[in-house]
PDB file of N, CA and C in Angstrom:
ATOM      1  N   MET A   1      23.854 -25.229  15.531  1.00  0.00           N
ATOM      2  CA  MET A   1      23.959 -24.221  16.554  1.00  0.00           C
ATOM      3  C   MET A   1      23.366 -24.784  17.847  1.00  0.00           C
ATOM      4  N   SER A   2      24.001 -24.526  18.927  1.00  0.00           N
ATOM      5  CA  SER A   2      23.466 -25.054  20.174  1.00  0.00           C
ATOM      6  C   SER A   2      22.282 -24.211  20.633  1.00  0.00           C
ATOM      7  N   ASP A   3      21.479 -24.796  21.504  1.00  0.00           N
ATOM      8  CA  ASP A   3      20.266 -24.116  21.965  1.00  0.00           C
ATOM      9  C   ASP A   3      20.575 -22.854  22.755  1.00  0.00           C
ATOM     10  N   SER A   4      21.658 -22.855  23.512  1.00  0.00           N
ATOM     11  CA  SER A   4      21.973 -21.676  24.325  1.00  0.00           C
ATOM     12  C   SER A   4      22.347 -20.486  23.437  1.00  0.00           C
ATOM     13  N   ILE A   5      23.080 -20.738  22.364  1.00  0.00           N
ATOM     14  CA  ILE A   5      23.443 -19.648  21.455  1.00  0.00           C
ATOM     15  C   ILE A   5      22.195 -19.122  20.755  1.00  0.00           C
ATOM     16  N   GLN A   6      21.297 -20.025  20.371  1.00  0.00           N
ATOM     17  CA  GLN A   6      20.051 -19.603  19.736  1.00  0.00           C
ATOM     18  C   GLN A   6      19.218 -18.744  20.687  1.00  0.00           C
ATOM     19  N   ASN A   7      19.128 -19.147  21.937  1.00  0.00           N
ATOM     20  CA  ASN A   7      18.367 -18.375  22.919  1.00  0.00           C
ATOM     21  C   ASN A   7      18.973 -16.999  23.131  1.00  0.00           C
ATOM     22  N   ILE A   8      20.292 -16.922  23.203  1.00  0.00           N
ATOM     23  CA  ILE A   8      20.958 -15.624  23.372  1.00  0.00           C
ATOM     24  C   ILE A   8      20.652 -14.727  22.185  1.00  0.00           C
ATOM     25  N   LEU A   9      20.722 -15.253  20.973  1.00  0.00           N
ATOM     26  CA  LEU A   9      20.432 -14.445  19.781  1.00  0.00           C
ATOM     27  C   LEU A   9      18.981 -13.989  19.753  1.00  0.00           C
ATOM     28  N   VAL A  10      18.060 -14.849  20.181  1.00  0.00           N
ATOM     29  CA  VAL A  10      16.653 -14.468  20.216  1.00  0.00           C
ATOM     30  C   VAL A  10      16.434 -13.342  21.214  1.00  0.00           C
ATOM     31  N   TYR A  11      17.042 -13.432  22.399  1.00  0.00           N
ATOM     32  CA  TYR A  11      16.869 -12.380  23.407  1.00  0.00           C
ATOM     33  C   TYR A  11      17.506 -11.068  22.973  1.00  0.00           C
ATOM     34  N   ILE A  12      18.638 -11.135  22.303  1.00  0.00           N
ATOM     35  CA  ILE A  12      19.272  -9.912  21.796  1.00  0.00           C
ATOM     36  C   ILE A  12      18.383  -9.264  20.739  1.00  0.00           C
ATOM     37  N   THR A  13      17.846 -10.061  19.827  1.00  0.00           N
ATOM     38  CA  THR A  13      16.961  -9.540  18.790  1.00  0.00           C
ATOM     39  C   THR A  13      15.698  -8.940  19.394  1.00  0.00           C
ATOM     40  N   LEU A  14      15.134  -9.609  20.384  1.00  0.00           N
ATOM     41  CA  LEU A  14      13.944  -9.093  21.059  1.00  0.00           C
ATOM     42  C   LEU A  14      14.241  -7.772  21.763  1.00  0.00           C
ATOM     43  N   GLY A  15      15.387  -7.698  22.421  1.00  0.00           N
ATOM     44  CA  GLY A  15      15.776  -6.467  23.093  1.00  0.00           C
ATOM     45  C   GLY A  15      15.964  -5.314  22.123  1.00  0.00           C
ATOM     46  N   LEU A  16      16.598  -5.584  20.988  1.00  0.00           N
ATOM     47  CA  LEU A  16      16.793  -4.542  19.984  1.00  0.00           C
ATOM     48  C   LEU A  16      15.459  -4.083  19.397  1.00  0.00           C
ATOM     49  N   ALA A  17      14.558  -5.018  19.154  1.00  0.00           N
ATOM     50  CA  ALA A  17      13.251  -4.657  18.604  1.00  0.00           C
ATOM     51  C   ALA A  17      12.451  -3.819  19.602  1.00  0.00           C
ATOM     52  N   LEU A  18      12.471  -4.203  20.865  1.00  0.00           N
ATOM     53  CA  LEU A  18      11.750  -3.431  21.881  1.00  0.00           C
ATOM     54  C   LEU A  18      12.359  -2.039  22.064  1.00  0.00           C
ATOM     55  N   THR A  19      13.681  -1.966  22.025  1.00  0.00           N
ATOM     56  CA  THR A  19      14.347  -0.664  22.122  1.00  0.00           C
ATOM     57  C   THR A  19      13.939   0.234  20.958  1.00  0.00           C
ATOM     58  N   PHE A  20      13.895  -0.324  19.760  1.00  0.00           N
ATOM     59  CA  PHE A  20      13.487   0.454  18.592  1.00  0.00           C
ATOM     60  C   PHE A  20      12.061   0.970  18.758  1.00  0.00           C
ATOM     61  N   LEU A  21      11.141   0.090  19.191  1.00  0.00           N
ATOM     62  CA  LEU A  21       9.745   0.491  19.330  1.00  0.00           C
ATOM     63  C   LEU A  21       9.561   1.555  20.406  1.00  0.00           C
ATOM     64  N   VAL A  22      10.276   1.421  21.511  1.00  0.00           N
ATOM     65  CA  VAL A  22      10.174   2.415  22.580  1.00  0.00           C
ATOM     66  C   VAL A  22      10.691   3.756  22.100  1.00  0.00           C
ATOM     67  N   ARG A  23      11.828   3.765  21.424  1.00  0.00           N
ATOM     68  CA  ARG A  23      12.383   5.030  20.943  1.00  0.00           C
ATOM     69  C   ARG A  23      11.512   5.647  19.858  1.00  0.00           C
ATOM     70  N   LYS A  24      10.874   4.817  19.048  1.00  0.00           N
ATOM     71  CA  LYS A  24      10.083   5.310  17.923  1.00  0.00           C
ATOM     72  C   LYS A  24       8.737   5.876  18.374  1.00  0.00           C
ATOM     73  N   PHE A  25       8.052   5.189  19.291  1.00  0.00           N
ATOM     74  CA  PHE A  25       6.679   5.552  19.605  1.00  0.00           C
ATOM     75  C   PHE A  25       6.470   6.113  21.002  1.00  0.00           C
ATOM     76  N   ILE A  26       7.261   5.742  21.982  1.00  0.00           N
ATOM     77  CA  ILE A  26       7.003   6.156  23.353  1.00  0.00           C
ATOM     78  C   ILE A  26       7.901   7.312  23.765  1.00  0.00           C
ATOM     79  N   TRP A  27       9.158   7.231  23.427  1.00  0.00           N
ATOM     80  CA  TRP A  27      10.115   8.279  23.796  1.00  0.00           C
ATOM     81  C   TRP A  27       9.719   9.568  23.108  1.00  0.00           C
ATOM     82  N   LYS A  28       9.612  10.652  23.853  1.00  0.00           N
ATOM     83  CA  LYS A  28       9.201  11.921  23.261  1.00  0.00           C
ATOM     84  C   LYS A  28      10.400  12.588  22.599  1.00  0.00           C
ATOM     85  N   PRO A  29      10.331  12.789  21.295  1.00  0.00           N
ATOM     86  CA  PRO A  29      11.464  13.409  20.596  1.00  0.00           C
ATOM     87  C   PRO A  29      11.582  14.885  20.962  1.00  0.00           C
ATOM     88  N   LYS A  30      12.775  15.391  20.807  1.00  0.00           N
ATOM     89  CA  LYS A  30      12.996  16.809  21.059  1.00  0.00           C
ATOM     90  C   LYS A  30      12.279  17.618  19.987  1.00  0.00           C
ATOM     91  N   LYS A  31      11.710  18.725  20.393  1.00  0.00           N
ATOM     92  CA  LYS A  31      10.986  19.584  19.457  1.00  0.00           C
ATOM     93  C   LYS A  31      11.974  20.270  18.526  1.00  0.00           C
ATOM     94  N   LYS A  32      11.672  20.237  17.254  1.00  0.00           N
ATOM     95  CA  LYS A  32      12.500  20.924  16.273  1.00  0.00           C
ATOM     96  C   LYS A  32      12.007  22.357  16.137  1.00  0.00           C
ATOM     97  N   VAL A  33      12.926  23.250  15.949  1.00  0.00           N
ATOM     98  CA  VAL A  33      12.578  24.660  15.780  1.00  0.00           C
ATOM     99  C   VAL A  33      12.042  24.848  14.369  1.00  0.00           C
ATOM    100  N   ALA A  34      10.827  25.368  14.281  1.00  0.00           N
ATOM    101  CA  ALA A  34      10.226  25.609  12.967  1.00  0.00           C
ATOM    102  C   ALA A  34      10.869  26.837  12.334  1.00  0.00           C
ATOM    103  N   LYS A  35      11.197  26.699  11.076  1.00  0.00           N
ATOM    104  CA  LYS A  35      11.795  27.824  10.369  1.00  0.00           C
ATOM    105  C   LYS A  35      10.690  28.620   9.690  1.00  0.00           C
ATOM    106  N   ALA A  36      10.667  29.897   9.938  1.00  0.00           N
ATOM    107  CA  ALA A  36       9.674  30.765   9.318  1.00  0.00           C
ATOM    108  C   ALA A  36      10.148  31.184   7.932  1.00  0.00           C
ATOM    109  N   CYS A  37       9.217  31.569   7.119  1.00  0.00           N
ATOM    110  CA  CYS A  37       9.537  31.975   5.753  1.00  0.00           C
ATOM    111  C   CYS A  37       9.920  33.445   5.658  1.00  0.00           C
ATOM    112  N   GLY A  38       9.985  34.098   6.737  1.00  0.00           N
ATOM    113  CA  GLY A  38      10.291  35.519   6.752  1.00  0.00           C
ATOM    114  C   GLY A  38       9.434  36.183   7.816  1.00  0.00           C
ATOM    115  N   LYS A  39       9.381  37.481   7.772  1.00  0.00           N
ATOM    116  CA  LYS A  39       8.643  38.209   8.792  1.00  0.00           C
ATOM    117  C   LYS A  39       7.128  38.130   8.592  1.00  0.00           C
ATOM    118  N   ASP A  40       6.658  37.997   7.359  1.00  0.00           N
ATOM    119  CA  ASP A  40       5.211  38.054   7.105  1.00  0.00           C
ATOM    120  C   ASP A  40       4.563  36.666   7.029  1.00  0.00           C
ATOM    121  N   ASP A  41       5.293  35.584   7.266  1.00  0.00           N
ATOM    122  CA  ASP A  41       4.771  34.209   7.257  1.00  0.00           C
ATOM    123  C   ASP A  41       3.965  33.942   5.983  1.00  0.00           C
ATOM    124  N   CYS A  42       4.644  33.568   4.944  1.00  0.00           N
ATOM    125  CA  CYS A  42       4.048  33.419   3.624  1.00  0.00           C
ATOM    126  C   CYS A  42       3.099  32.220   3.502  1.00  0.00           C
ATOM    127  N   GLY A  43       2.907  31.438   4.557  1.00  0.00           N
ATOM    128  CA  GLY A  43       1.983  30.309   4.505  1.00  0.00           C
ATOM    129  C   GLY A  43       2.599  29.061   3.893  1.00  0.00           C
ATOM    130  N   CYS A  44       3.893  28.909   3.991  1.00  0.00           N
ATOM    131  CA  CYS A  44       4.556  27.756   3.382  1.00  0.00           C
ATOM    132  C   CYS A  44       4.510  26.525   4.272  1.00  0.00           C
ATOM    133  N   HIS A  45       3.947  26.626   5.459  1.00  0.00           N
ATOM    134  CA  HIS A  45       3.863  25.449   6.333  1.00  0.00           C
ATOM    135  C   HIS A  45       2.502  25.260   6.908  1.00  0.00           C
TER     136      HIS A  45
END
């Protein structure tokens, strides 16, 4: 494999890894709506 192809693959892999880490830990996920157990809140959560 030539050096330029290796460098391109390394940069693509690095970019994908950084994107994953940013989405996993830094990006604030949308809040999920908590489902209640009914009107009296049975304490299931």
